[in-house]
Amino acid sequence: MAVRHRLVKADPRTVWAVLADGSRYADWVVGTAESHPVRGQWPQTGAAIQYEVRLGPVSLTNETVVRHCEEGTTLELEARAGALGTARIALELRPWGEHCLVIVDEHPLQGAAGALHNVAVEVLIQVRHRAMLARLARVCEAEAAARGEADGRRPSEAAAGQAARGGGDA
C-alpha cells in the first residue's frame, strides 16, 4: 500500500471544499486533464465524476466513484483505469494546528493493476502521490491566501495589516 502525507497550510475546511468539488478533480489529481460530475451529488457515496487522461495524442476517459465519505474528514474513492483495473484511494484530513494534514492511501483493487502490483509500482505510486499532494497543497494554499486564512484574518483585515506595514499598492 502506498501511503503518503503532506501538511497543507490551509484550514481543513478549505481543503475539504476543494476535494468536495468534483469539477476540481483535475486541478489536483496528476494525469487528469478535465473532470465533471456524471452521477449523484459529489462527494456523496455512489456519486461519480468522469475525467480525461491525455497521453500525447491519445485521450482516455475514465471514472471515479465515491465509495465512502465522512464530510470534512474522509473521502474514499474507487478510480477506474480501463484495462489496468481499479484502485482504492483514501484521503484523510486531520486538523494540524491551524493547518491540515492530508493522508493519502492507495492500493489496487481489481484487474491488471492488482496482478502486477509490486515494489516498483509502489515507487511509482509514491512519486505520483508526492506530485498530487503538492498540487492539492498549491490549490488549497492559494485559496487560503486569497481569503486571508493563512494568518487567521479575513482578506480585508489582511489588506489593512499589509497597508499598515507599508506594503500596500503604490
N, C-alpha and C. Protein backbone atom coordinates (compact mmCIF):
# COMPACT_ATOMS: atom_id res chain seq x y z
N MET A 1 0.83 -1.19 0.00
CA MET A 1 0.00 0.00 0.00
C MET A 1 0.87 1.24 0.00
N ALA A 2 0.53 2.18 -0.85
CA ALA A 2 1.24 3.45 -0.91
C ALA A 2 0.53 4.45 -0.01
N VAL A 3 1.21 4.84 1.06
CA VAL A 3 0.66 5.84 1.97
C VAL A 3 1.62 7.02 2.01
N ARG A 4 1.08 8.21 1.87
CA ARG A 4 1.90 9.42 1.89
C ARG A 4 1.09 10.51 2.58
N HIS A 5 1.77 11.49 3.14
CA HIS A 5 1.08 12.60 3.79
C HIS A 5 1.74 13.92 3.42
N ARG A 6 0.99 14.99 3.65
CA ARG A 6 1.52 16.33 3.40
C ARG A 6 0.78 17.32 4.29
N LEU A 7 1.53 18.23 4.86
CA LEU A 7 0.93 19.32 5.62
C LEU A 7 0.55 20.42 4.64
N VAL A 8 -0.73 20.74 4.60
CA VAL A 8 -1.23 21.80 3.72
C VAL A 8 -1.49 23.01 4.61
N LYS A 9 -0.92 24.13 4.23
CA LYS A 9 -1.04 25.34 5.05
C LYS A 9 -2.34 26.07 4.72
N ALA A 10 -3.41 25.36 5.04
CA ALA A 10 -4.76 25.88 4.87
C ALA A 10 -5.63 25.16 5.90
N ASP A 11 -6.73 25.78 6.24
CA ASP A 11 -7.70 25.20 7.16
C ASP A 11 -8.28 23.93 6.54
N PRO A 12 -8.58 22.90 7.35
CA PRO A 12 -9.19 21.68 6.80
C PRO A 12 -10.47 21.93 6.00
N ARG A 13 -11.23 22.98 6.37
CA ARG A 13 -12.45 23.29 5.60
C ARG A 13 -12.12 23.70 4.17
N THR A 14 -11.02 24.42 4.00
CA THR A 14 -10.60 24.84 2.66
C THR A 14 -10.19 23.62 1.83
N VAL A 15 -9.44 22.71 2.45
CA VAL A 15 -9.01 21.50 1.75
C VAL A 15 -10.24 20.67 1.38
N TRP A 16 -11.16 20.52 2.33
CA TRP A 16 -12.36 19.73 2.04
C TRP A 16 -13.17 20.36 0.91
N ALA A 17 -13.26 21.67 0.88
CA ALA A 17 -14.03 22.35 -0.18
C ALA A 17 -13.47 22.01 -1.56
N VAL A 18 -12.17 21.91 -1.67
CA VAL A 18 -11.55 21.54 -2.95
C VAL A 18 -11.86 20.08 -3.27
N LEU A 19 -11.70 19.18 -2.30
CA LEU A 19 -11.98 17.76 -2.53
C LEU A 19 -13.45 17.53 -2.84
N ALA A 20 -14.32 18.32 -2.25
CA ALA A 20 -15.76 18.13 -2.40
C ALA A 20 -16.32 18.73 -3.68
N ASP A 21 -15.48 19.32 -4.50
CA ASP A 21 -15.90 19.90 -5.77
C ASP A 21 -15.43 18.99 -6.90
N GLY A 22 -16.32 18.15 -7.41
CA GLY A 22 -15.97 17.18 -8.44
C GLY A 22 -15.41 17.80 -9.71
N SER A 23 -15.76 19.04 -9.98
CA SER A 23 -15.24 19.69 -11.18
C SER A 23 -13.79 20.13 -11.00
N ARG A 24 -13.26 20.06 -9.77
CA ARG A 24 -11.88 20.48 -9.50
C ARG A 24 -10.92 19.30 -9.39
N TYR A 25 -11.42 18.09 -9.58
CA TYR A 25 -10.60 16.87 -9.50
C TYR A 25 -9.33 17.00 -10.34
N ALA A 26 -9.47 17.52 -11.56
CA ALA A 26 -8.32 17.66 -12.46
C ALA A 26 -7.33 18.72 -11.98
N ASP A 27 -7.75 19.60 -11.08
CA ASP A 27 -6.84 20.61 -10.54
C ASP A 27 -5.76 20.00 -9.66
N TRP A 28 -6.07 18.87 -9.02
CA TRP A 28 -5.11 18.31 -8.07
C TRP A 28 -4.71 16.87 -8.36
N VAL A 29 -5.43 16.15 -9.20
CA VAL A 29 -5.08 14.76 -9.50
C VAL A 29 -4.14 14.72 -10.70
N VAL A 30 -2.97 14.18 -10.49
CA VAL A 30 -1.94 14.10 -11.53
C VAL A 30 -2.43 13.23 -12.68
N GLY A 31 -2.23 13.73 -13.88
CA GLY A 31 -2.57 12.97 -15.07
C GLY A 31 -3.93 13.25 -15.65
N THR A 32 -4.78 13.99 -14.95
CA THR A 32 -6.11 14.27 -15.47
C THR A 32 -6.12 15.65 -16.14
N ALA A 33 -6.86 15.73 -17.23
CA ALA A 33 -6.93 16.98 -17.98
C ALA A 33 -8.19 17.77 -17.65
N GLU A 34 -9.29 17.10 -17.41
CA GLU A 34 -10.53 17.78 -17.04
C GLU A 34 -11.41 16.78 -16.33
N SER A 35 -12.37 17.30 -15.58
CA SER A 35 -13.27 16.42 -14.84
C SER A 35 -14.63 17.08 -14.71
N HIS A 36 -15.66 16.24 -14.59
CA HIS A 36 -17.00 16.77 -14.36
C HIS A 36 -17.87 15.67 -13.74
N PRO A 37 -18.78 16.07 -12.85
CA PRO A 37 -19.68 15.09 -12.23
C PRO A 37 -20.58 14.44 -13.28
N VAL A 38 -20.84 13.12 -13.10
CA VAL A 38 -21.72 12.41 -14.04
C VAL A 38 -22.89 11.73 -13.34
N ARG A 39 -22.74 11.41 -12.06
CA ARG A 39 -23.83 10.78 -11.30
C ARG A 39 -23.81 11.25 -9.87
N GLY A 40 -24.98 11.44 -9.32
CA GLY A 40 -25.10 11.76 -7.90
C GLY A 40 -24.58 13.13 -7.55
N GLN A 41 -24.52 13.39 -6.26
CA GLN A 41 -24.05 14.68 -5.74
C GLN A 41 -22.68 14.46 -5.10
N TRP A 42 -21.62 14.82 -5.82
CA TRP A 42 -20.25 14.66 -5.32
C TRP A 42 -20.07 15.47 -4.07
N PRO A 43 -19.52 14.97 -3.00
CA PRO A 43 -18.85 13.69 -2.82
C PRO A 43 -19.67 12.65 -2.04
N GLN A 44 -20.98 12.64 -2.22
CA GLN A 44 -21.78 11.64 -1.51
C GLN A 44 -21.49 10.24 -2.05
N THR A 45 -21.63 9.25 -1.18
CA THR A 45 -21.38 7.86 -1.55
C THR A 45 -22.20 7.50 -2.79
N GLY A 46 -21.52 6.90 -3.77
CA GLY A 46 -22.14 6.49 -5.02
C GLY A 46 -22.03 7.52 -6.13
N ALA A 47 -21.70 8.76 -5.79
CA ALA A 47 -21.53 9.79 -6.82
C ALA A 47 -20.30 9.48 -7.66
N ALA A 48 -20.31 9.94 -8.90
CA ALA A 48 -19.17 9.67 -9.79
C ALA A 48 -18.81 10.90 -10.60
N ILE A 49 -17.54 11.00 -10.91
CA ILE A 49 -17.07 12.01 -11.85
C ILE A 49 -16.37 11.29 -12.99
N GLN A 50 -16.40 11.92 -14.12
CA GLN A 50 -15.70 11.40 -15.28
C GLN A 50 -14.52 12.33 -15.52
N TYR A 51 -13.40 11.76 -15.92
CA TYR A 51 -12.23 12.58 -16.17
C TYR A 51 -11.51 12.10 -17.40
N GLU A 52 -10.72 12.98 -17.95
CA GLU A 52 -9.96 12.67 -19.16
C GLU A 52 -8.48 12.62 -18.83
N VAL A 53 -7.82 11.63 -19.38
CA VAL A 53 -6.37 11.48 -19.26
C VAL A 53 -5.81 11.61 -20.67
N ARG A 54 -4.86 12.51 -20.84
CA ARG A 54 -4.24 12.70 -22.16
C ARG A 54 -2.79 12.26 -22.10
N LEU A 55 -2.45 11.38 -23.01
CA LEU A 55 -1.07 10.92 -23.16
C LEU A 55 -0.66 11.21 -24.59
N GLY A 56 -0.07 12.38 -24.82
CA GLY A 56 0.25 12.79 -26.18
C GLY A 56 -1.03 12.95 -26.97
N PRO A 57 -1.09 12.29 -28.13
CA PRO A 57 -2.29 12.41 -28.97
C PRO A 57 -3.45 11.53 -28.50
N VAL A 58 -3.19 10.65 -27.54
CA VAL A 58 -4.21 9.72 -27.06
C VAL A 58 -4.96 10.33 -25.89
N SER A 59 -6.27 10.20 -25.92
CA SER A 59 -7.12 10.71 -24.85
C SER A 59 -8.01 9.57 -24.35
N LEU A 60 -7.98 9.34 -23.05
CA LEU A 60 -8.78 8.28 -22.44
C LEU A 60 -9.75 8.89 -21.44
N THR A 61 -10.95 8.34 -21.38
CA THR A 61 -11.94 8.79 -20.41
C THR A 61 -12.14 7.71 -19.38
N ASN A 62 -12.07 8.08 -18.12
CA ASN A 62 -12.28 7.14 -17.02
C ASN A 62 -13.22 7.76 -16.01
N GLU A 63 -13.50 6.99 -14.95
CA GLU A 63 -14.47 7.42 -13.96
C GLU A 63 -13.95 7.11 -12.56
N THR A 64 -14.31 7.97 -11.62
CA THR A 64 -14.01 7.76 -10.21
C THR A 64 -15.32 7.83 -9.44
N VAL A 65 -15.52 6.86 -8.55
CA VAL A 65 -16.75 6.74 -7.78
C VAL A 65 -16.44 6.91 -6.29
N VAL A 66 -17.28 7.64 -5.59
CA VAL A 66 -17.13 7.77 -4.13
C VAL A 66 -17.66 6.50 -3.50
N ARG A 67 -16.82 5.82 -2.72
CA ARG A 67 -17.24 4.60 -2.02
C ARG A 67 -17.55 4.85 -0.56
N HIS A 68 -16.95 5.91 0.01
CA HIS A 68 -17.20 6.23 1.42
C HIS A 68 -16.86 7.71 1.62
N CYS A 69 -17.70 8.39 2.38
CA CYS A 69 -17.46 9.81 2.64
C CYS A 69 -17.90 10.15 4.06
N GLU A 70 -17.01 10.76 4.80
CA GLU A 70 -17.34 11.37 6.09
C GLU A 70 -17.02 12.84 5.92
N GLU A 71 -18.06 13.64 5.73
CA GLU A 71 -17.87 15.03 5.36
C GLU A 71 -16.84 15.74 6.23
N GLY A 72 -15.89 16.35 5.56
CA GLY A 72 -14.86 17.14 6.22
C GLY A 72 -13.64 16.36 6.66
N THR A 73 -13.71 15.02 6.65
CA THR A 73 -12.55 14.26 7.16
C THR A 73 -12.08 13.12 6.27
N THR A 74 -12.98 12.41 5.61
CA THR A 74 -12.60 11.20 4.89
C THR A 74 -13.30 11.11 3.55
N LEU A 75 -12.52 10.82 2.51
CA LEU A 75 -13.07 10.60 1.18
C LEU A 75 -12.38 9.38 0.60
N GLU A 76 -13.15 8.31 0.36
CA GLU A 76 -12.60 7.10 -0.22
C GLU A 76 -13.18 6.91 -1.61
N LEU A 77 -12.29 6.77 -2.58
CA LEU A 77 -12.67 6.72 -3.98
C LEU A 77 -12.24 5.41 -4.62
N GLU A 78 -12.98 5.00 -5.64
CA GLU A 78 -12.54 3.90 -6.49
C GLU A 78 -12.34 4.49 -7.88
N ALA A 79 -11.08 4.52 -8.30
CA ALA A 79 -10.73 5.09 -9.60
C ALA A 79 -10.58 3.97 -10.61
N ARG A 80 -11.26 4.14 -11.73
CA ARG A 80 -11.17 3.15 -12.80
C ARG A 80 -10.12 3.60 -13.81
N ALA A 81 -9.32 2.65 -14.23
CA ALA A 81 -8.25 2.96 -15.18
C ALA A 81 -8.28 1.99 -16.36
N GLY A 82 -9.45 1.82 -16.92
CA GLY A 82 -9.60 0.98 -18.10
C GLY A 82 -9.08 -0.43 -17.88
N ALA A 83 -8.22 -0.89 -18.79
CA ALA A 83 -7.68 -2.25 -18.75
C ALA A 83 -6.82 -2.51 -17.51
N LEU A 84 -6.31 -1.45 -16.89
CA LEU A 84 -5.49 -1.63 -15.70
C LEU A 84 -6.31 -2.02 -14.48
N GLY A 85 -7.61 -1.77 -14.52
CA GLY A 85 -8.47 -2.14 -13.41
C GLY A 85 -8.86 -0.95 -12.56
N THR A 86 -9.01 -1.17 -11.27
CA THR A 86 -9.42 -0.11 -10.36
C THR A 86 -8.46 -0.01 -9.17
N ALA A 87 -8.50 1.15 -8.53
CA ALA A 87 -7.69 1.38 -7.34
C ALA A 87 -8.54 2.06 -6.28
N ARG A 88 -8.26 1.75 -5.04
CA ARG A 88 -8.88 2.42 -3.90
C ARG A 88 -7.96 3.56 -3.51
N ILE A 89 -8.52 4.76 -3.41
CA ILE A 89 -7.74 5.93 -3.00
C ILE A 89 -8.49 6.55 -1.83
N ALA A 90 -7.86 6.54 -0.67
CA ALA A 90 -8.47 7.11 0.53
C ALA A 90 -7.72 8.38 0.91
N LEU A 91 -8.47 9.44 1.14
CA LEU A 91 -7.91 10.71 1.58
C LEU A 91 -8.47 11.01 2.96
N GLU A 92 -7.58 11.29 3.88
CA GLU A 92 -7.99 11.62 5.25
C GLU A 92 -7.46 13.00 5.58
N LEU A 93 -8.31 13.84 6.17
CA LEU A 93 -7.92 15.18 6.58
C LEU A 93 -7.89 15.24 8.11
N ARG A 94 -6.79 15.74 8.63
CA ARG A 94 -6.66 15.92 10.08
C ARG A 94 -6.26 17.35 10.37
N PRO A 95 -6.97 17.98 11.29
CA PRO A 95 -6.52 19.32 11.70
C PRO A 95 -5.12 19.21 12.31
N TRP A 96 -4.26 20.15 11.94
CA TRP A 96 -2.90 20.16 12.48
C TRP A 96 -2.59 21.61 12.83
N GLY A 97 -2.93 21.97 14.07
CA GLY A 97 -2.86 23.37 14.44
C GLY A 97 -3.87 24.11 13.60
N GLU A 98 -3.43 25.17 12.93
CA GLU A 98 -4.34 25.93 12.05
C GLU A 98 -4.33 25.39 10.63
N HIS A 99 -3.56 24.33 10.40
CA HIS A 99 -3.40 23.77 9.06
C HIS A 99 -4.10 22.42 8.94
N CYS A 100 -3.80 21.71 7.85
CA CYS A 100 -4.45 20.43 7.59
C CYS A 100 -3.41 19.39 7.16
N LEU A 101 -3.39 18.27 7.84
CA LEU A 101 -2.55 17.15 7.44
C LEU A 101 -3.40 16.26 6.54
N VAL A 102 -2.94 16.06 5.31
CA VAL A 102 -3.66 15.23 4.34
C VAL A 102 -2.89 13.92 4.19
N ILE A 103 -3.60 12.82 4.38
CA ILE A 103 -3.00 11.49 4.25
C ILE A 103 -3.70 10.78 3.11
N VAL A 104 -2.92 10.29 2.15
CA VAL A 104 -3.48 9.55 1.03
C VAL A 104 -2.96 8.11 1.09
N ASP A 105 -3.86 7.18 0.86
CA ASP A 105 -3.57 5.74 0.93
C ASP A 105 -4.18 5.11 -0.32
N GLU A 106 -3.36 4.50 -1.15
CA GLU A 106 -3.86 3.94 -2.40
C GLU A 106 -3.36 2.51 -2.58
N HIS A 107 -4.25 1.67 -3.08
CA HIS A 107 -3.83 0.32 -3.49
C HIS A 107 -4.78 -0.21 -4.56
N PRO A 108 -4.28 -1.09 -5.42
CA PRO A 108 -5.12 -1.65 -6.47
C PRO A 108 -6.19 -2.57 -5.91
N LEU A 109 -7.34 -2.57 -6.57
CA LEU A 109 -8.45 -3.43 -6.14
C LEU A 109 -8.70 -4.57 -7.12
N GLN A 110 -8.82 -4.23 -8.41
CA GLN A 110 -9.20 -5.22 -9.40
C GLN A 110 -8.36 -5.04 -10.67
N GLY A 111 -8.32 -6.09 -11.47
CA GLY A 111 -7.70 -6.01 -12.78
C GLY A 111 -6.20 -6.19 -12.77
N ALA A 112 -5.59 -5.80 -13.89
CA ALA A 112 -4.16 -5.99 -14.09
C ALA A 112 -3.31 -5.27 -13.04
N ALA A 113 -3.78 -4.11 -12.60
CA ALA A 113 -3.01 -3.34 -11.61
C ALA A 113 -2.78 -4.16 -10.34
N GLY A 114 -3.78 -4.92 -9.93
CA GLY A 114 -3.62 -5.78 -8.75
C GLY A 114 -2.66 -6.93 -9.01
N ALA A 115 -2.77 -7.52 -10.18
CA ALA A 115 -1.90 -8.65 -10.53
C ALA A 115 -0.46 -8.22 -10.71
N LEU A 116 -0.24 -7.02 -11.21
CA LEU A 116 1.11 -6.53 -11.48
C LEU A 116 1.71 -5.71 -10.34
N HIS A 117 0.95 -5.55 -9.26
CA HIS A 117 1.40 -4.72 -8.15
C HIS A 117 2.66 -5.31 -7.53
N ASN A 118 3.69 -4.48 -7.44
CA ASN A 118 4.97 -4.90 -6.85
C ASN A 118 5.69 -3.68 -6.29
N VAL A 119 6.91 -3.87 -5.84
CA VAL A 119 7.67 -2.78 -5.22
C VAL A 119 7.92 -1.65 -6.22
N ALA A 120 8.21 -1.97 -7.46
CA ALA A 120 8.47 -0.94 -8.47
C ALA A 120 7.21 -0.09 -8.70
N VAL A 121 6.07 -0.72 -8.77
CA VAL A 121 4.81 0.01 -8.94
C VAL A 121 4.56 0.89 -7.72
N GLU A 122 4.86 0.37 -6.56
CA GLU A 122 4.71 1.13 -5.30
C GLU A 122 5.53 2.41 -5.35
N VAL A 123 6.74 2.34 -5.88
CA VAL A 123 7.60 3.52 -6.00
C VAL A 123 6.95 4.54 -6.93
N LEU A 124 6.42 4.08 -8.05
CA LEU A 124 5.75 4.99 -8.99
C LEU A 124 4.53 5.66 -8.35
N ILE A 125 3.78 4.89 -7.57
CA ILE A 125 2.62 5.47 -6.88
C ILE A 125 3.08 6.53 -5.89
N GLN A 126 4.17 6.27 -5.18
CA GLN A 126 4.69 7.26 -4.22
C GLN A 126 5.09 8.56 -4.93
N VAL A 127 5.73 8.44 -6.09
CA VAL A 127 6.12 9.63 -6.86
C VAL A 127 4.86 10.39 -7.31
N ARG A 128 3.87 9.66 -7.77
CA ARG A 128 2.60 10.28 -8.20
C ARG A 128 1.92 10.97 -7.01
N HIS A 129 1.92 10.32 -5.85
CA HIS A 129 1.30 10.92 -4.66
C HIS A 129 2.02 12.20 -4.25
N ARG A 130 3.32 12.20 -4.33
CA ARG A 130 4.08 13.40 -3.97
C ARG A 130 3.63 14.57 -4.85
N ALA A 131 3.53 14.31 -6.15
CA ALA A 131 3.11 15.36 -7.08
C ALA A 131 1.65 15.75 -6.84
N MET A 132 0.79 14.76 -6.60
CA MET A 132 -0.63 15.03 -6.38
C MET A 132 -0.83 15.87 -5.12
N LEU A 133 -0.16 15.52 -4.04
CA LEU A 133 -0.31 16.27 -2.80
C LEU A 133 0.27 17.68 -2.93
N ALA A 134 1.33 17.83 -3.72
CA ALA A 134 1.89 19.16 -3.96
C ALA A 134 0.88 20.02 -4.73
N ARG A 135 0.22 19.42 -5.71
CA ARG A 135 -0.80 20.16 -6.47
C ARG A 135 -1.98 20.53 -5.57
N LEU A 136 -2.43 19.58 -4.74
CA LEU A 136 -3.53 19.86 -3.83
C LEU A 136 -3.15 20.99 -2.87
N ALA A 137 -1.94 20.94 -2.34
CA ALA A 137 -1.48 22.00 -1.42
C ALA A 137 -1.46 23.35 -2.13
N ARG A 138 -0.95 23.39 -3.34
CA ARG A 138 -0.87 24.64 -4.09
C ARG A 138 -2.27 25.25 -4.29
N VAL A 139 -3.23 24.43 -4.69
CA VAL A 139 -4.60 24.90 -4.91
C VAL A 139 -5.20 25.42 -3.61
N CYS A 140 -5.09 24.62 -2.55
CA CYS A 140 -5.71 24.99 -1.26
C CYS A 140 -5.04 26.19 -0.62
N GLU A 141 -3.72 26.24 -0.68
CA GLU A 141 -3.00 27.36 -0.08
C GLU A 141 -3.27 28.66 -0.83
N ALA A 142 -3.45 28.58 -2.15
CA ALA A 142 -3.80 29.78 -2.92
C ALA A 142 -5.19 30.28 -2.50
N GLU A 143 -6.12 29.37 -2.30
CA GLU A 143 -7.46 29.77 -1.85
C GLU A 143 -7.40 30.37 -0.45
N ALA A 144 -6.61 29.75 0.42
CA ALA A 144 -6.48 30.26 1.79
C ALA A 144 -5.87 31.66 1.78
N ALA A 145 -4.86 31.87 0.94
CA ALA A 145 -4.22 33.18 0.86
C ALA A 145 -5.19 34.23 0.32
N ALA A 146 -5.99 33.84 -0.65
CA ALA A 146 -6.96 34.77 -1.23
C ALA A 146 -7.99 35.22 -0.19
N ARG A 147 -8.26 34.34 0.76
CA ARG A 147 -9.23 34.68 1.82
C ARG A 147 -8.55 35.23 3.07
N GLY A 148 -7.22 35.31 3.07
CA GLY A 148 -6.52 35.80 4.23
C GLY A 148 -6.47 34.79 5.36
N GLU A 149 -6.73 33.51 5.02
CA GLU A 149 -6.80 32.46 6.03
C GLU A 149 -5.42 32.12 6.61
N ALA A 150 -4.39 32.27 5.81
CA ALA A 150 -3.07 31.82 6.23
C ALA A 150 -2.62 32.46 7.55
N ASP A 151 -3.00 33.72 7.76
CA ASP A 151 -2.62 34.35 9.02
C ASP A 151 -3.81 34.53 9.96
N GLY A 152 -4.90 33.82 9.65
CA GLY A 152 -6.05 33.83 10.54
C GLY A 152 -6.94 35.05 10.42
N ARG A 153 -6.74 35.85 9.36
CA ARG A 153 -7.56 37.05 9.20
C ARG A 153 -8.34 36.96 7.90
N ARG A 154 -9.41 37.70 7.84
CA ARG A 154 -10.19 37.82 6.60
C ARG A 154 -9.38 38.67 5.63
N PRO A 155 -9.66 38.58 4.31
CA PRO A 155 -8.89 39.35 3.33
C PRO A 155 -8.84 40.85 3.64
N SER A 156 -9.95 41.45 4.08
CA SER A 156 -9.95 42.88 4.37
C SER A 156 -9.01 43.21 5.53
N GLU A 157 -8.98 42.33 6.53
CA GLU A 157 -8.07 42.54 7.67
C GLU A 157 -6.63 42.36 7.25
N ALA A 158 -6.37 41.36 6.40
CA ALA A 158 -5.01 41.11 5.92
C ALA A 158 -4.52 42.31 5.10
N ALA A 159 -5.38 42.87 4.24
CA ALA A 159 -5.01 44.02 3.42
C ALA A 159 -4.73 45.23 4.31
N ALA A 160 -5.55 45.43 5.34
CA ALA A 160 -5.35 46.55 6.25
C ALA A 160 -4.01 46.40 6.98
N GLY A 161 -3.70 45.18 7.40
CA GLY A 161 -2.42 44.92 8.08
C GLY A 161 -1.25 45.17 7.16
N GLN A 162 -1.38 44.77 5.89
CA GLN A 162 -0.31 44.96 4.93
C GLN A 162 -0.12 46.46 4.68
N ALA A 163 -1.20 47.21 4.54
CA ALA A 163 -1.11 48.64 4.30
C ALA A 163 -0.45 49.34 5.50
N ALA A 164 -0.79 48.90 6.72
CA ALA A 164 -0.21 49.49 7.92
C ALA A 164 1.30 49.27 7.98
N ARG A 165 1.76 48.15 7.40
CA ARG A 165 3.20 47.86 7.38
C ARG A 165 3.88 48.52 6.19
N GLY A 166 3.11 49.28 5.39
CA GLY A 166 3.68 49.95 4.24
C GLY A 166 3.77 49.06 3.02
N GLY A 167 3.01 47.98 3.01
CA GLY A 167 3.10 47.03 1.90
C GLY A 167 1.95 47.12 0.95
N GLY A 168 1.20 48.21 0.98
CA GLY A 168 0.05 48.34 0.07
C GLY A 168 0.48 48.73 -1.32
N ASP A 169 -0.46 48.81 -2.25
CA ASP A 169 -0.17 49.23 -3.62
C ASP A 169 0.20 50.70 -3.61
N ALA A 170 1.18 51.03 -4.45
CA ALA A 170 1.61 52.43 -4.53
C ALA A 170 1.14 53.04 -5.83
